C-alpha atoms as a PDB file:
ATOM      1  CA  MET A   1     146.716 105.066  18.506  1.00  0.00           C
ATOM      2  CA  ASP A   2     149.542 107.488  19.271  1.00  0.00           C
ATOM      3  CA  LEU A   3     149.012 109.478  16.062  1.00  0.00           C
ATOM      4  CA  PHE A   4     145.225 109.531  16.444  1.00  0.00           C
ATOM      5  CA  LEU A   5     145.589 111.029  19.944  1.00  0.00           C
ATOM      6  CA  LEU A   6     147.984 113.668  18.754  1.00  0.00           C
ATOM      7  CA  ILE A   7     145.635 114.648  15.934  1.00  0.00           C
ATOM      8  CA  LEU A   8     142.863 114.796  18.417  1.00  0.00           C
ATOM      9  CA  SER A   9     144.694 116.827  20.884  1.00  0.00           C
ATOM     10  CA  VAL A  10     145.603 119.364  18.212  1.00  0.00           C
ATOM     11  CA  ALA A  11     142.189 119.684  16.894  1.00  0.00           C
ATOM     12  CA  LEU A  12     140.616 120.117  20.342  1.00  0.00           C
ATOM     13  CA  ALA A  13     143.242 122.742  21.269  1.00  0.00           C
ATOM     14  CA  ALA A  14     142.454 124.757  17.985  1.00  0.00           C
ATOM     15  CA  ILE A  15     138.648 124.516  18.638  1.00  0.00           C
ATOM     16  CA  ALA A  16     139.215 125.746  22.134  1.00  0.00           C
ATOM     17  CA  PHE A  17     141.465 128.611  21.037  1.00  0.00           C
ATOM     18  CA  THR A  18     138.839 129.531  18.364  1.00  0.00           C
ATOM     19  CA  THR A  19     135.954 129.471  20.777  1.00  0.00           C
ATOM     20  CA  ALA A  20     137.914 131.601  23.456  1.00  0.00           C
ATOM     21  CA  SER A  21     138.563 134.187  20.656  1.00  0.00           C
ATOM     22  CA  ALA A  22     134.948 134.222  19.844  1.00  0.00           C
ATOM     23  CA  PHE A  23     134.167 134.749  23.502  1.00  0.00           C
ATOM     24  CA  LYS A  24     136.388 137.694  23.509  1.00  0.00           C
ATOM     25  CA  ARG A  25     134.682 139.103  20.332  1.00  0.00           C
ATOM     26  CA  GLU A  26     131.183 138.867  21.795  1.00  0.00           C
ATOM     27  CA  HIS A  27     132.372 140.455  25.173  1.00  0.00           C
ATOM     28  CA  ALA A  28     133.884 143.390  23.260  1.00  0.00           C
ATOM     29  CA  VAL A  29     132.265 146.696  23.643  1.00  0.00           C
ATOM     30  CA  PRO A  30     131.883 149.183  20.800  1.00  0.00           C
ATOM     31  CA  THR A  31     133.915 152.241  21.189  1.00  0.00           C
ATOM     32  CA  THR A  32     130.868 154.616  21.391  1.00  0.00           C
ATOM     33  CA  SER A  33     129.306 152.534  23.984  1.00  0.00           C
ATOM     34  CA  ARG A  34     132.524 152.284  25.996  1.00  0.00           C
ATOM     35  CA  THR A  35     132.977 156.009  25.961  1.00  0.00           C
ATOM     36  CA  ARG A  36     129.475 156.524  27.209  1.00  0.00           C
ATOM     37  CA  ALA A  37     129.763 153.952  29.938  1.00  0.00           C
ATOM     38  CA  LEU A  38     133.036 155.505  31.232  1.00  0.00           C
ATOM     39  CA  GLY A  39     131.188 158.678  31.936  1.00  0.00           C
ATOM     40  CA  GLN A  40     128.082 157.219  33.395  1.00  0.00           C
ATOM     41  CA  LYS A  41     127.440 157.084  37.111  1.00  0.00           C
ATOM     42  CA  LEU A  42     125.504 153.797  37.967  1.00  0.00           C
ATOM     43  CA  SER A  43     122.673 153.917  40.311  1.00  0.00           C
ATOM     44  CA  HIS A  44     122.380 151.220  43.028  1.00  0.00           C
ATOM     45  CA  TYR A  45     119.792 149.331  41.039  1.00  0.00           C
ATOM     46  CA  GLU A  46     122.051 149.419  37.856  1.00  0.00           C
ATOM     47  CA  ILE A  47     124.778 147.970  40.076  1.00  0.00           C
ATOM     48  CA  ALA A  48     122.420 145.347  41.412  1.00  0.00           C
ATOM     49  CA  TYR A  49     121.605 144.217  37.997  1.00  0.00           C
ATOM     50  CA  LEU A  50     125.219 143.788  37.106  1.00  0.00           C
ATOM     51  CA  ALA A  51     125.818 141.719  40.304  1.00  0.00           C
ATOM     52  CA  GLY A  52     122.906 139.505  40.006  1.00  0.00           C
ATOM     53  CA  GLY A  53     120.400 140.302  37.280  1.00  0.00           C
ATOM     54  CA  PRO A  54     116.633 141.135  37.743  1.00  0.00           C
ATOM     55  CA  GLU A  55     116.473 138.804  40.813  1.00  0.00           C
ATOM     56  CA  GLN A  56     119.152 140.975  42.609  1.00  0.00           C
ATOM     57  CA  VAL A  57     117.325 144.197  41.567  1.00  0.00           C
ATOM     58  CA  ALA A  58     113.979 142.927  42.832  1.00  0.00           C
ATOM     59  CA  GLY A  59     115.394 141.672  46.166  1.00  0.00           C
ATOM     60  CA  THR A  60     117.168 144.916  46.675  1.00  0.00           C
ATOM     61  CA  ALA A  61     114.053 146.955  46.089  1.00  0.00           C
ATOM     62  CA  VAL A  62     112.047 144.920  48.566  1.00  0.00           C
ATOM     63  CA  ALA A  63     114.814 145.022  51.209  1.00  0.00           C
ATOM     64  CA  LEU A  64     115.360 148.757  50.769  1.00  0.00           C
ATOM     65  CA  LEU A  65     111.515 149.583  50.924  1.00  0.00           C
ATOM     66  CA  THR A  66     111.126 147.341  53.928  1.00  0.00           C
ATOM     67  CA  GLY A  67     114.183 149.084  55.576  1.00  0.00           C
ATOM     68  CA  SER A  68     112.652 152.552  54.894  1.00  0.00           C
ATOM     69  CA  GLY A  69     109.400 151.713  56.456  1.00  0.00           C
ATOM     70  CA  ASP A  70     107.337 151.812  53.125  1.00  0.00           C
ATOM     71  CA  LEU A  71     106.682 148.007  53.323  1.00  0.00           C
ATOM     72  CA  ARG A  72     106.227 145.615  56.189  1.00  0.00           C
ATOM     73  CA  VAL A  73     107.019 141.922  56.108  1.00  0.00           C
ATOM     74  CA  SER A  74     104.909 139.695  58.335  1.00  0.00           C
ATOM     75  CA  ARG A  75     105.697 136.297  59.606  1.00  0.00           C
ATOM     76  CA  GLY A  76     105.824 133.837  56.738  1.00  0.00           C
ATOM     77  CA  GLY A  77     107.471 136.297  54.287  1.00  0.00           C
ATOM     78  CA  HIS A  78     104.203 138.176  53.393  1.00  0.00           C
ATOM     79  CA  VAL A  79     104.698 141.834  52.284  1.00  0.00           C
ATOM     80  CA  HIS A  80     102.250 144.482  53.344  1.00  0.00           C
ATOM     81  CA  SER A  81     101.854 147.952  52.262  1.00  0.00           C
ATOM     82  CA  VAL A  82     102.418 150.784  54.868  1.00  0.00           C
ATOM     83  CA  HIS A  83     102.017 153.939  52.731  1.00  0.00           C
ATOM     84  CA  ALA A  84     100.375 154.921  49.716  1.00  0.00           C
ATOM     85  CA  PRO A  85     102.648 154.404  46.580  1.00  0.00           C
ATOM     86  CA  SER A  86     104.724 157.576  45.872  1.00  0.00           C
ATOM     87  CA  VAL A  87     104.978 158.841  42.204  1.00  0.00           C
ATOM     88  CA  SER A  88     108.548 160.230  42.796  1.00  0.00           C
ATOM     89  CA  ARG A  89     110.292 156.698  43.546  1.00  0.00           C
ATOM     90  CA  ASP A  90     112.576 154.711  41.277  1.00  0.00           C
ATOM     91  CA  PRO A  91     110.410 152.876  38.531  1.00  0.00           C
ATOM     92  CA  VAL A  92     111.385 149.579  39.907  1.00  0.00           C
ATOM     93  CA  GLU A  93     110.263 150.618  43.410  1.00  0.00           C
ATOM     94  CA  GLN A  94     107.169 152.023  42.040  1.00  0.00           C
ATOM     95  CA  VAL A  95     106.314 148.658  40.556  1.00  0.00           C
ATOM     96  CA  VAL A  96     106.876 146.930  43.883  1.00  0.00           C
ATOM     97  CA  LEU A  97     104.860 149.490  45.972  1.00  0.00           C
ATOM     98  CA  ALA A  98     101.914 149.438  43.355  1.00  0.00           C
ATOM     99  CA  THR A  99     101.944 145.615  43.393  1.00  0.00           C
ATOM    100  CA  VAL A 100     101.701 145.418  47.131  1.00  0.00           C
ATOM    101  CA  ALA A 101      99.157 148.174  47.327  1.00  0.00           C
ATOM    102  CA  ASP A 102      96.849 146.038  45.013  1.00  0.00           C
ATOM    103  CA  ARG A 103      97.692 142.778  46.717  1.00  0.00           C
ATOM    104  CA  SER A 104      98.708 143.499  50.250  1.00  0.00           C
ATOM    105  CA  GLY A 105     100.093 140.212  51.996  1.00  0.00           C
ATOM    106  CA  LEU A 106     101.673 138.884  48.777  1.00  0.00           C
ATOM    107  CA  PRO A 107     104.453 136.530  49.441  1.00  0.00           C
ATOM    108  CA  ALA A 108     107.946 138.109  48.961  1.00  0.00           C
ATOM    109  CA  SER A 109     108.805 135.517  46.293  1.00  0.00           C
ATOM    110  CA  ALA A 110     105.807 136.381  44.163  1.00  0.00           C
ATOM    111  CA  LEU A 111     106.560 140.104  44.633  1.00  0.00           C
ATOM    112  CA  ARG A 112     110.046 139.658  43.378  1.00  0.00           C
ATOM    113  CA  THR A 113     108.715 137.702  40.341  1.00  0.00           C
ATOM    114  CA  GLU A 114     106.277 140.601  39.528  1.00  0.00           C
ATOM    115  CA  ALA A 115     109.166 143.015  39.693  1.00  0.00           C
ATOM    116  CA  ARG A 116     111.449 140.831  37.499  1.00  0.00           C
ATOM    117  CA  ARG A 117     108.852 140.673  34.709  1.00  0.00           C
ATOM    118  CA  SER A 118     107.890 144.399  34.828  1.00  0.00           C
ATOM    119  CA  PRO A 119     108.406 146.846  32.114  1.00  0.00           C
ATOM    120  CA  ALA A 120     110.533 148.969  34.432  1.00  0.00           C
ATOM    121  CA  MET A 121     113.148 145.976  34.591  1.00  0.00           C
ATOM    122  CA  ALA A 122     113.067 145.747  30.907  1.00  0.00           C
ATOM    123  CA  ASP A 123     113.926 149.441  30.637  1.00  0.00           C
ATOM    124  CA  LEU A 124     116.703 149.192  33.270  1.00  0.00           C
ATOM    125  CA  LYS A 125     118.224 146.317  31.214  1.00  0.00           C
ATOM    126  CA  ARG A 126     117.891 148.287  28.014  1.00  0.00           C
ATOM    127  CA  GLY A 127     119.714 151.264  29.518  1.00  0.00           C
ATOM    128  CA  LEU A 128     122.542 149.074  30.616  1.00  0.00           C
ATOM    129  CA  THR A 129     122.673 147.482  27.166  1.00  0.00           C
ATOM    130  CA  ASP A 130     122.846 150.804  25.405  1.00  0.00           C
ATOM    131  CA  ALA A 131     125.668 151.855  27.743  1.00  0.00           C
ATOM    132  CA  GLY A 132     127.711 148.797  26.728  1.00  0.00           C
ATOM    133  CA  LEU A 133     127.634 147.174  30.013  1.00  0.00           C
ATOM    134  CA  VAL A 134     125.101 144.128  29.444  1.00  0.00           C
ATOM    135  CA  LEU A 135     125.088 142.122  26.335  1.00  0.00           C
ATOM    136  CA  PRO A 136     122.141 142.125  23.955  1.00  0.00           C
ATOM    137  CA  ASP A 137     119.917 138.994  23.974  1.00  0.00           C
ATOM    138  CA  ASP A 138     121.247 137.688  20.566  1.00  0.00           C
ATOM    139  CA  ARG A 139     124.974 137.923  21.643  1.00  0.00           C
ATOM    140  CA  ALA A 140     124.064 136.350  25.134  1.00  0.00           C
ATOM    141  CA  ARG A 141     122.528 133.345  23.165  1.00  0.00           C
ATOM    142  CA  ARG A 142     125.614 133.015  21.070  1.00  0.00           C
ATOM    143  CA  LEU A 143     127.791 132.895  24.133  1.00  0.00           C
ATOM    144  CA  GLY A 144     125.483 130.190  25.486  1.00  0.00           C
ATOM    145  CA  LEU A 145     126.123 128.108  22.309  1.00  0.00           C
ATOM    146  CA  LEU A 146     129.794 128.771  22.614  1.00  0.00           C
ATOM    147  CA  ALA A 147     129.857 127.637  26.212  1.00  0.00           C
ATOM    148  CA  ALA A 148     128.096 124.467  25.160  1.00  0.00           C
ATOM    149  CA  GLY A 149     130.782 123.951  22.596  1.00  0.00           C
ATOM    150  CA  LEU A 150     133.376 124.441  25.259  1.00  0.00           C
ATOM    151  CA  GLN A 151     131.602 121.766  27.377  1.00  0.00           C
ATOM    152  CA  VAL A 152     131.900 119.143  24.543  1.00  0.00           C
ATOM    153  CA  VAL A 153     135.536 120.147  23.990  1.00  0.00           C
ATOM    154  CA  SER A 154     136.332 119.685  27.756  1.00  0.00           C
ATOM    155  CA  ALA A 155     134.722 116.325  27.796  1.00  0.00           C
ATOM    156  CA  LEU A 156     136.477 115.127  24.824  1.00  0.00           C
ATOM    157  CA  ALA A 157     139.744 116.252  25.924  1.00  0.00           C
ATOM    158  CA  PHE A 158     139.401 114.560  29.376  1.00  0.00           C
ATOM    159  CA  ALA A 159     138.229 111.415  27.483  1.00  0.00           C
ATOM    160  CA  GLY A 160     141.149 111.410  25.239  1.00  0.00           C
ATOM    161  CA  ALA A 161     143.416 112.091  28.234  1.00  0.00           C
ATOM    162  CA  VAL A 162     142.132 108.894  29.969  1.00  0.00           C
ATOM    163  CA  ALA A 163     142.650 106.930  26.701  1.00  0.00           C
ATOM    164  CA  ALA A 164     146.279 108.294  26.540  1.00  0.00           C
ATOM    165  CA  VAL A 165     146.890 107.195  30.149  1.00  0.00           C
ATOM    166  CA  VAL A 166     145.497 103.681  29.520  1.00  0.00           C
ATOM    167  CA  THR A 167     147.684 103.443  26.329  1.00  0.00           C
ATOM    168  CA  VAL A 168     150.692 104.527  28.383  1.00  0.00           C
ATOM    169  CA  LEU A 169     150.036 101.896  31.103  1.00  0.00           C
ATOM    170  CA  ALA A 170     149.506  99.073  28.378  1.00  0.00           C
ATOM    171  CA  GLU A 171     152.311  99.876  25.909  1.00  0.00           C
ATOM    172  CA  GLY A 172     154.673 102.239  27.737  1.00  0.00           C
ATOM    173  CA  PRO A 173     155.320 105.889  27.244  1.00  0.00           C
ATOM    174  CA  SER A 174     156.365 107.400  23.844  1.00  0.00           C
ATOM    175  CA  PRO A 175     157.062 110.936  22.732  1.00  0.00           C
ATOM    176  CA  LEU A 176     153.888 111.447  20.730  1.00  0.00           C
ATOM    177  CA  LEU A 177     151.797 109.840  23.384  1.00  0.00           C
ATOM    178  CA  MET A 178     153.233 112.105  26.246  1.00  0.00           C
ATOM    179  CA  LEU A 179     152.887 115.178  24.047  1.00  0.00           C
ATOM    180  CA  SER A 180     149.147 114.221  23.356  1.00  0.00           C
ATOM    181  CA  LEU A 181     148.452 113.537  27.023  1.00  0.00           C
ATOM    182  CA  ILE A 182     149.802 116.963  28.036  1.00  0.00           C
ATOM    183  CA  ALA A 183     147.890 118.814  25.347  1.00  0.00           C
ATOM    184  CA  LEU A 184     144.741 117.119  26.182  1.00  0.00           C
ATOM    185  CA  ALA A 185     145.010 117.685  29.797  1.00  0.00           C
ATOM    186  CA  ILE A 186     145.728 121.314  29.314  1.00  0.00           C
ATOM    187  CA  THR A 187     142.802 121.885  26.797  1.00  0.00           C
ATOM    188  CA  GLY A 188     140.445 120.113  29.000  1.00  0.00           C
ATOM    189  CA  THR A 189     141.280 121.934  32.186  1.00  0.00           C
ATOM    190  CA  GLY A 190     141.416 125.293  30.501  1.00  0.00           C
ATOM    191  CA  ALA A 191     137.908 124.747  28.971  1.00  0.00           C
ATOM    192  CA  ALA A 192     136.408 123.585  32.258  1.00  0.00           C
ATOM    193  CA  ALA A 193     137.930 126.541  34.086  1.00  0.00           C
ATOM    194  CA  ALA A 194     136.658 128.988  31.409  1.00  0.00           C
ATOM    195  CA  ILE A 195     133.001 127.480  31.848  1.00  0.00           C
ATOM    196  CA  ALA A 196     133.358 127.682  35.668  1.00  0.00           C
ATOM    197  CA  ASP A 197     134.518 131.315  35.574  1.00  0.00           C
ATOM    198  CA  ARG A 198     131.722 132.232  33.206  1.00  0.00           C
ATOM    199  CA  ARG A 199     129.037 130.715  35.407  1.00  0.00           C
ATOM    200  CA  LYS A 200     130.401 132.388  38.600  1.00  0.00           C
ATOM    201  CA  SER A 201     131.135 135.872  37.420  1.00  0.00           C
ATOM    202  CA  ARG A 202     127.969 136.411  35.111  1.00  0.00           C
ATOM    203  CA  ARG A 203     130.248 136.834  32.088  1.00  0.00           C
ATOM    204  CA  HIS A 204     127.423 135.281  29.887  1.00  0.00           C
ATOM    205  CA  GLU A 205     125.319 138.482  30.461  1.00  0.00           C
ATOM    206  CA  LEU A 206     127.979 141.175  30.944  1.00  0.00           C
ATOM    207  CA  THR A 207     130.202 142.654  28.565  1.00  0.00           C
ATOM    208  CA  ALA A 208     133.965 143.073  29.426  1.00  0.00           C
ATOM    209  CA  HIS A 209     133.409 146.627  30.555  1.00  0.00           C
ATOM    210  CA  GLY A 210     130.312 145.460  32.623  1.00  0.00           C
ATOM    211  CA  VAL A 211     132.600 143.046  34.388  1.00  0.00           C
ATOM    212  CA  GLU A 212     135.083 145.801  35.005  1.00  0.00           C
ATOM    213  CA  ARG A 213     132.463 148.187  36.417  1.00  0.00           C
ATOM    214  CA  LEU A 214     131.229 145.444  38.762  1.00  0.00           C
ATOM    215  CA  GLY A 215     134.564 144.698  39.960  1.00  0.00           C
ATOM    216  CA  ASN A 216     135.354 148.315  40.682  1.00  0.00           C
ATOM    217  CA  ALA A 217     132.177 148.559  42.672  1.00  0.00           C
ATOM    218  CA  ARG A 218     133.042 145.604  44.808  1.00  0.00           C
ATOM    219  CA  LYS A 219     136.542 147.049  45.502  1.00  0.00           C
ATOM    220  CA  THR A 220     134.943 150.309  46.549  1.00  0.00           C
ATOM    221  CA  HIS A 221     132.236 148.622  48.668  1.00  0.00           C
ATOM    222  CA  PRO A 222     133.736 145.272  49.990  1.00  0.00           C
ATOM    223  CA  LEU A 223     131.626 142.781  51.656  1.00  0.00           C
ATOM    224  CA  GLY A 224     130.884 143.699  55.247  1.00  0.00           C
ATOM    225  CA  SER A 225     131.817 147.371  54.848  1.00  0.00           C
ATOM    226  CA  GLY A 226     128.382 148.573  55.557  1.00  0.00           C
ATOM    227  CA  ASP A 227     124.555 148.164  55.166  1.00  0.00           C
ATOM    228  CA  GLY A 228     123.951 150.999  52.820  1.00  0.00           C
ATOM    229  CA  ARG A 229     121.973 150.795  49.462  1.00  0.00           C
ATOM    230  CA  MET A 230     125.076 149.953  47.291  1.00  0.00           C
ATOM    231  CA  HIS A 231     126.188 147.286  49.766  1.00  0.00           C
ATOM    232  CA  THR A 232     122.688 145.600  49.582  1.00  0.00           C
ATOM    233  CA  ALA A 233     122.801 146.156  45.728  1.00  0.00           C
ATOM    234  CA  LEU A 234     126.043 144.320  45.335  1.00  0.00           C
ATOM    235  CA  TYR A 235     125.667 141.470  47.827  1.00  0.00           C
ATOM    236  CA  GLY A 236     121.976 141.078  48.587  1.00  0.00           C
ATOM    237  CA  PRO A 237     119.823 142.060  51.618  1.00  0.00           C
ATOM    238  CA  ASP A 238     121.212 139.333  53.826  1.00  0.00           C
ATOM    239  CA  ALA A 239     124.953 139.928  53.009  1.00  0.00           C
ATOM    240  CA  GLN A 240     125.629 142.137  56.115  1.00  0.00           C
ATOM    241  CA  LEU A 241     124.064 139.577  58.320  1.00  0.00           C
ATOM    242  CA  LYS A 242     126.017 136.823  57.042  1.00  0.00           C
ATOM    243  CA  ALA A 243     129.272 138.773  57.262  1.00  0.00           C
ATOM    244  CA  ASP A 244     128.432 139.585  60.943  1.00  0.00           C
ATOM    245  CA  LEU A 245     127.681 135.928  61.650  1.00  0.00           C
ATOM    246  CA  ARG A 246     131.109 134.859  60.056  1.00  0.00           C
ATOM    247  CA  ALA A 247     132.885 137.556  62.093  1.00  0.00           C
ATOM    248  CA  ALA A 248     131.175 136.292  65.295  1.00  0.00           C
ATOM    249  CA  ARG A 249     132.078 132.636  64.481  1.00  0.00           C
ATOM    250  CA  ALA A 250     135.703 133.644  63.844  1.00  0.00           C
ATOM    251  CA  ALA A 251     135.882 135.555  67.099  1.00  0.00           C
ATOM    252  CA  ARG A 252     134.482 132.568  69.038  1.00  0.00           C
ATOM    253  CA  ARG A 253     137.051 130.238  67.419  1.00  0.00           C
ATOM    254  CA  SER A 254     139.810 132.578  68.414  1.00  0.00           C
ATOM    255  CA  ARG A 255     138.712 132.731  72.020  1.00  0.00           C
ATOM    256  CA  ARG A 256     138.437 128.921  72.263  1.00  0.00           C
ATOM    257  CA  TYR A 257     141.829 128.636  70.760  1.00  0.00           C
ATOM    258  CA  GLN A 258     143.313 131.249  73.253  1.00  0.00           C
ATOM    259  CA  SER A 259     141.565 129.504  76.264  1.00  0.00           C
ATOM    260  CA  TYR A 260     142.859 126.025  75.141  1.00  0.00           C
ATOM    261  CA  SER A 261     146.386 127.483  74.586  1.00  0.00           C
ATOM    262  CA  GLY A 262     146.398 129.065  78.057  1.00  0.00           C
ATOM    263  CA  ARG A 263     145.361 125.873  79.716  1.00  0.00           C
ATOM    264  CA  PHE A 264     147.963 123.907  77.758  1.00  0.00           C
ATOM    265  CA  ASN A 265     150.774 126.367  78.548  1.00  0.00           C
ATOM    266  CA  GLY A 266     149.705 126.359  82.283  1.00  0.00           C
ATOM    267  CA  CYS A 267     149.759 122.644  82.480  1.00  0.00           C
ATOM    268  CA  SER A 268     153.060 122.217  80.702  1.00  0.00           C
ATOM    269  CA  SER A 269     154.900 124.772  82.822  1.00  0.00           C
ATOM    270  CA  GLY A 270     157.527 123.190  85.305  1.00  0.00           C
ATOM    271  CA  HIS A 271     156.167 125.380  88.142  1.00  0.00           C
ATOM    272  CA  SER A 272     153.238 123.026  88.902  1.00  0.00           C
ATOM    273  CA  CYS A 273     154.575 119.614  88.065  1.00  0.00           C
ATOM    274  CA  GLY A 274     158.365 119.628  87.551  1.00  0.00           C
ATOM    275  CA  GLY A 275     159.419 120.255  91.203  1.00  0.00           C
ATOM    276  CA  ALA A 276     160.043 117.652  93.908  1.00  0.00           C
ATOM    277  CA  SER A 277     157.473 118.959  96.105  1.00  0.00           C
ATOM    278  CA  HIS A 278     154.113 117.225  96.356  1.00  0.00           C
ATOM    279  CA  HIS A 279     152.193 120.617  96.458  1.00  0.00           C
ATOM    280  CA  GLY A 280     151.961 120.882  92.564  1.00  0.00           C
ATOM    281  CA  CYS A 281     150.646 117.455  91.998  1.00  0.00           C
ATOM    282  CA  GLY A 282     148.113 116.929  94.693  1.00  0.00           C
ATOM    283  CA  GLY A 283     145.752 119.706  94.269  1.00  0.00           C
ATOM    284  CA  ALA A 284     142.467 119.286  92.190  1.00  0.00           C
ATOM    285  CA  SER A 285     143.164 122.440  90.313  1.00  0.00           C
ATOM    286  CA  GLY A 286     146.638 121.807  89.009  1.00  0.00           C
ATOM    287  CA  CYS A 287     147.539 119.777  85.948  1.00  0.00           C
ATOM    288  CA  GLY A 288     144.708 117.154  86.481  1.00  0.00           C
ATOM    289  CA  GLY A 289     147.135 114.100  86.386  1.00  0.00           C
ATOM    290  CA  GLY A 290     149.839 115.817  84.301  1.00  0.00           C
ATOM    291  CA  CYS A 291     152.470 114.596  86.922  1.00  0.00           C
ATOM    292  CA  GLY A 292     153.046 110.858  86.257  1.00  0.00           C
ATOM    293  CA  GLY A 293     154.067 109.037  89.404  1.00  0.00           C
ATOM    294  CA  GLY A 294     153.807 110.097  93.080  1.00  0.00           C
ATOM    295  CA  GLY A 295     156.614 111.965  94.723  1.00  0.00           C
ATOM    296  CA  SER A 296     157.558 109.999  97.804  1.00  0.00           C
END
């Protein structure tokens, strides 16, 4: 059993290392594309695509057009046209305006779906792909298969670690068994962390340089820094409101803590309760029973 677990741990570690190397190769950007991307200034809609894909672009377009007064949102989330569509706008915005002009009162969710499926969105993705910021569809599919393989590796590694622990409890520790347990635990944890990081950071759709450009944009425009177009593109239309609500909750907690701390310090002071006089303990506004016995 000890030898089997050791062989399993070595095999899974080798598979995990090979898969991680393949991930790195798939995310690599050709030199020509990287050079082009370095000198390319990204629009707020291109940043929105890097941050959240077509869904983020569509939501940003609806939010910005509503904020500029070109669209109106009624109760229930229905979007209505205010002005005739302009031909000079961004292609994604033009799709949104034309859709609302044809079907005024369309639910916002349906409007975002129309924008996500539009040729303008496909052109936006194609430009980012050509610039080496977004992975082509075939490479994204390969990354999906690699991620599925990592999930299997992680599950097998954790199962092997459990078997190793059971064997240690039943037969006692041995050098081979402890080495296997450590290797399996590291492999399983590393694979699970890589999968979680990939899901969280959109690494399944962005190249390494795309992830870098997105990170730089977030450093330049941190959450809560403003309500401009770039901030909306990075964090979504409700990000500033959420940031303000979090700041308000933190301020209320701070005020409650300061109020409680002030009352506690006032009651623990020797000026009200520590003296021999009855005046500090008899009043209703003093320590509220903080002076144990009567002072007769």
